[in-house]
Amino acid sequence: MKSKNSNAGFSLIETLFVISIIGFLATLGAVVLKNARIKSRDTKILGDINQVRKAMELIISESGTYAVEGGMEEICFGETCFEVPSDGTLSNCDFSPYLEAERLADPLNISDECTGDNANNCNYTFWRLPTGSHYLFFVHLEGSTALGNSGLTNCAISETMITCDNNISFSYCNASGLGGPNWDTCRIFDFNGSGIVSNADKGAYDQ
């Protein structure tokens, strides 16, 4: 009488099934890890936004101006100019004694500077208007956050508001002369309170 071979291996179908399950679990794990890293980076950026806003309010309460020092140079869009740190990043700004700028950088710490129209990750930029009456802080987020974005987006932060969109650059808002559907995004640049963004806003601070 023949006995069954108890050492028979897996069939081809069983082997392929096991391999497919392992592949699925590996892919799922990679997605979960990627999302966790994005959430961690965005959490750090949101924390930095809060730190900068708090520091700027302490600075203006003490000095009466947002004129943060730090080797500023002008960047112009048409006739409208902003002063930015000469190396483009916050590390060259002096927020002391309220904040150590050296610790402020996008978690990926890449060389591309945030300008409000970035398609990918970029490093923070801090712009102040020459008279110190306003400031703008640009960052780039990757995932869904409490700011209302559902994915990749650019954000501009001022002393009064935070706005996020695919394009929140001054050049875009200025060229559009916006008072219409994109107004909620672009009104952060309406320095003279006219209801549109244009080169006339320069007069609100360059006097």
Protein backbone atom coordinates (compact mmCIF):
# COMPACT_ATOMS: atom_id res chain seq x y z
CA MET A 1 0.00 0.00 0.00
CA LYS A 2 1.39 3.39 -1.03
CA SER A 3 1.52 6.19 1.55
CA LYS A 4 1.01 9.89 0.78
CA ASN A 5 4.11 12.05 0.51
CA SER A 6 3.76 14.39 3.49
CA ASN A 7 6.71 16.46 2.24
CA ALA A 8 5.00 17.64 -0.95
CA GLY A 9 5.78 21.31 -1.65
CA PHE A 10 3.44 24.23 -2.43
CA SER A 11 1.79 24.30 -5.80
CA LEU A 12 2.63 27.08 -8.25
CA ILE A 13 -0.71 28.77 -7.59
CA GLU A 14 -0.16 28.69 -3.84
CA THR A 15 3.35 30.13 -4.22
CA LEU A 16 2.13 32.96 -6.45
CA PHE A 17 -0.66 33.71 -3.99
CA VAL A 18 1.78 34.00 -1.09
CA ILE A 19 4.11 36.23 -3.15
CA SER A 20 1.21 38.51 -4.11
CA ILE A 21 0.17 38.86 -0.44
CA ILE A 22 3.73 39.72 0.57
CA GLY A 23 3.94 42.28 -2.25
CA PHE A 24 0.65 43.87 -1.19
CA LEU A 25 1.74 44.15 2.43
CA ALA A 26 5.09 45.65 1.41
CA THR A 27 3.35 48.24 -0.79
CA LEU A 28 0.87 49.06 1.97
CA GLY A 29 3.69 49.49 4.45
CA ALA A 30 5.57 51.83 2.10
CA VAL A 31 2.45 53.99 1.61
CA VAL A 32 1.81 54.18 5.36
CA LEU A 33 5.44 55.12 6.00
CA LYS A 34 5.38 57.79 3.27
CA ASN A 35 2.18 59.34 4.66
CA ALA A 36 3.61 59.30 8.18
CA ARG A 37 6.71 61.16 6.99
CA ILE A 38 4.59 63.74 5.15
CA LYS A 39 2.46 64.27 8.26
CA SER A 40 5.57 64.69 10.38
CA ARG A 41 7.05 67.28 7.99
CA ASP A 42 3.79 69.22 7.76
CA THR A 43 3.44 69.21 11.55
CA LYS A 44 6.91 70.72 11.84
CA ILE A 45 6.07 73.40 9.25
CA LEU A 46 2.82 74.33 11.04
CA GLY A 47 4.80 74.65 14.26
CA ASP A 48 7.31 76.93 12.57
CA ILE A 49 4.49 79.11 11.21
CA ASN A 50 3.19 79.59 14.76
CA GLN A 51 6.67 80.38 16.05
CA VAL A 52 7.29 83.04 13.39
CA ARG A 53 3.91 84.70 13.92
CA LYS A 54 4.39 84.83 17.69
CA ALA A 55 7.91 86.20 17.32
CA MET A 56 6.77 88.91 14.90
CA GLU A 57 3.99 90.03 17.25
CA LEU A 58 6.49 90.30 20.09
CA ILE A 59 8.86 92.26 17.85
CA ILE A 60 6.22 94.78 16.77
CA SER A 61 4.92 95.17 20.33
CA GLU A 62 8.42 96.12 21.42
CA SER A 63 9.67 98.14 18.44
CA GLY A 64 6.50 99.24 16.65
CA THR A 65 7.69 97.69 13.36
CA TYR A 66 8.04 94.33 11.65
CA ALA A 67 11.40 95.44 10.25
CA VAL A 68 13.42 92.32 11.02
CA GLU A 69 17.09 92.88 10.29
CA GLY A 70 19.30 90.47 8.41
CA GLY A 71 21.22 91.54 5.32
CA MET A 72 18.12 92.38 3.32
CA GLU A 73 18.03 92.80 -0.44
CA GLU A 74 15.19 93.78 -2.75
CA ILE A 75 13.18 91.41 -4.92
CA CYS A 76 10.90 93.21 -7.36
CA PHE A 77 7.77 92.17 -9.22
CA GLY A 78 7.07 94.87 -11.74
CA GLU A 79 7.27 98.05 -9.69
CA THR A 80 6.63 96.35 -6.38
CA CYS A 81 9.60 95.35 -4.26
CA PHE A 82 10.08 93.31 -1.14
CA GLU A 83 13.16 92.96 0.95
CA VAL A 84 14.26 89.42 1.70
CA PRO A 85 17.22 87.90 3.51
CA SER A 86 20.21 88.06 1.20
CA ASP A 87 20.54 84.27 1.23
CA GLY A 88 16.81 83.82 0.66
CA THR A 89 16.18 81.90 3.86
CA LEU A 90 15.13 82.66 7.41
CA SER A 91 18.49 81.67 8.84
CA ASN A 92 19.84 85.12 7.95
CA CYS A 93 17.05 86.97 9.74
CA ASP A 94 17.38 88.36 13.24
CA PHE A 95 14.29 87.47 15.26
CA SER A 96 16.19 87.62 18.54
CA PRO A 97 15.56 87.38 21.39
CA TYR A 98 12.24 85.74 20.54
CA LEU A 99 13.27 83.11 18.03
CA GLU A 100 16.44 81.41 16.80
CA ALA A 101 16.21 81.67 13.01
CA GLU A 102 18.91 79.04 12.50
CA ARG A 103 16.39 76.39 13.53
CA LEU A 104 13.84 77.50 10.94
CA ALA A 105 13.98 75.57 7.69
CA ASP A 106 11.75 73.28 5.67
CA PRO A 107 12.24 69.72 7.03
CA LEU A 108 13.72 68.61 3.70
CA ASN A 109 16.05 71.65 3.78
CA ILE A 110 16.35 71.86 0.00
CA SER A 111 17.84 74.75 -1.93
CA ASP A 112 14.76 75.85 -3.92
CA GLU A 113 13.18 78.92 -2.31
CA CYS A 114 9.43 79.21 -1.69
CA THR A 115 7.95 81.91 -3.93
CA GLY A 116 4.26 81.05 -3.70
CA ASP A 117 4.10 79.20 -7.01
CA ASN A 118 6.26 76.15 -6.30
CA ALA A 119 5.18 72.78 -7.70
CA ASN A 120 7.38 70.84 -5.28
CA ASN A 121 8.99 71.22 -1.88
CA CYS A 122 10.90 74.42 -1.21
CA ASN A 123 12.66 76.12 1.67
CA TYR A 124 10.99 78.84 3.71
CA THR A 125 11.36 82.46 2.65
CA PHE A 126 10.61 85.52 4.75
CA TRP A 127 9.77 88.82 3.05
CA ARG A 128 9.32 92.11 4.83
CA LEU A 129 8.12 95.33 3.31
CA PRO A 130 10.70 98.13 3.52
CA THR A 131 8.86 100.23 6.10
CA GLY A 132 8.29 97.21 8.31
CA SER A 133 4.50 97.61 8.14
CA HIS A 134 3.90 94.07 6.83
CA TYR A 135 5.68 90.77 6.45
CA LEU A 136 5.13 87.62 4.37
CA PHE A 137 6.31 84.12 5.20
CA PHE A 138 6.15 81.47 2.46
CA VAL A 139 6.07 77.70 3.00
CA HIS A 140 5.04 74.59 1.08
CA LEU A 141 2.84 71.81 2.51
CA GLU A 142 2.50 68.24 1.24
CA GLY A 143 -0.54 66.64 2.87
CA SER A 144 -3.91 67.49 4.39
CA THR A 145 -3.58 69.90 7.32
CA ALA A 146 -5.64 72.06 9.64
CA LEU A 147 -5.16 74.96 7.18
CA GLY A 148 -7.71 73.31 4.89
CA ASN A 149 -5.44 72.04 2.12
CA SER A 150 -5.95 68.50 0.84
CA GLY A 151 -2.48 67.96 -0.62
CA LEU A 152 0.45 69.82 -2.15
CA THR A 153 -0.02 73.56 -1.75
CA ASN A 154 1.79 76.87 -1.29
CA CYS A 155 1.00 79.01 1.74
CA ALA A 156 1.61 82.68 2.45
CA ILE A 157 1.47 83.95 6.02
CA SER A 158 1.14 87.59 7.03
CA GLU A 159 0.48 89.43 10.28
CA THR A 160 -3.28 89.12 9.69
CA MET A 161 -3.94 85.95 7.71
CA ILE A 162 -2.77 82.64 6.30
CA THR A 163 -3.76 81.67 2.76
CA CYS A 164 -2.94 78.52 0.80
CA ASP A 165 -3.41 77.70 -2.89
CA ASN A 166 -1.60 76.25 -5.89
CA ASN A 167 -0.40 79.75 -6.76
CA ILE A 168 -0.15 82.43 -4.11
CA SER A 169 2.66 84.46 -5.66
CA PHE A 170 2.52 88.24 -5.87
CA SER A 171 3.26 88.17 -9.59
CA TYR A 172 0.22 85.94 -10.22
CA CYS A 173 -2.12 88.05 -8.09
CA ASN A 174 -0.75 91.32 -9.46
CA ALA A 175 -1.12 90.22 -13.09
CA SER A 176 -4.70 89.10 -12.44
CA GLY A 177 -5.76 92.39 -10.85
CA LEU A 178 -7.86 90.23 -8.62
CA GLY A 179 -11.07 91.32 -7.04
CA GLY A 180 -12.98 88.27 -8.22
CA PRO A 181 -13.02 84.52 -7.64
CA ASN A 182 -9.44 84.29 -6.38
CA TRP A 183 -9.77 87.20 -4.02
CA ASP A 184 -9.74 85.06 -0.87
CA THR A 185 -6.33 83.79 -1.93
CA CYS A 186 -4.82 87.04 -3.17
CA ARG A 187 -6.11 89.62 -0.71
CA ILE A 188 -3.06 88.96 1.46
CA PHE A 189 -1.21 91.27 -0.98
CA ASP A 190 -3.79 94.09 -0.81
CA PHE A 191 -1.60 96.35 1.29
CA ASN A 192 -3.53 99.55 0.55
CA GLY A 193 -6.99 98.05 1.13
CA SER A 194 -8.29 98.87 -2.36
CA GLY A 195 -9.94 95.50 -2.97
CA ILE A 196 -7.59 94.51 -5.79
CA VAL A 197 -3.92 93.58 -6.04
CA SER A 198 -1.90 95.90 -8.25
CA ASN A 199 1.30 97.92 -8.35
CA ALA A 200 -0.65 100.64 -6.53
CA ASP A 201 -0.23 98.58 -3.38
CA LYS A 202 3.38 99.73 -3.38
CA GLY A 203 2.14 103.13 -2.19
CA ALA A 204 0.78 101.57 0.97
CA TYR A 205 4.26 100.98 2.31
CA ASP A 206 6.84 102.75 0.13
CA GLN A 207 6.36 106.31 1.34
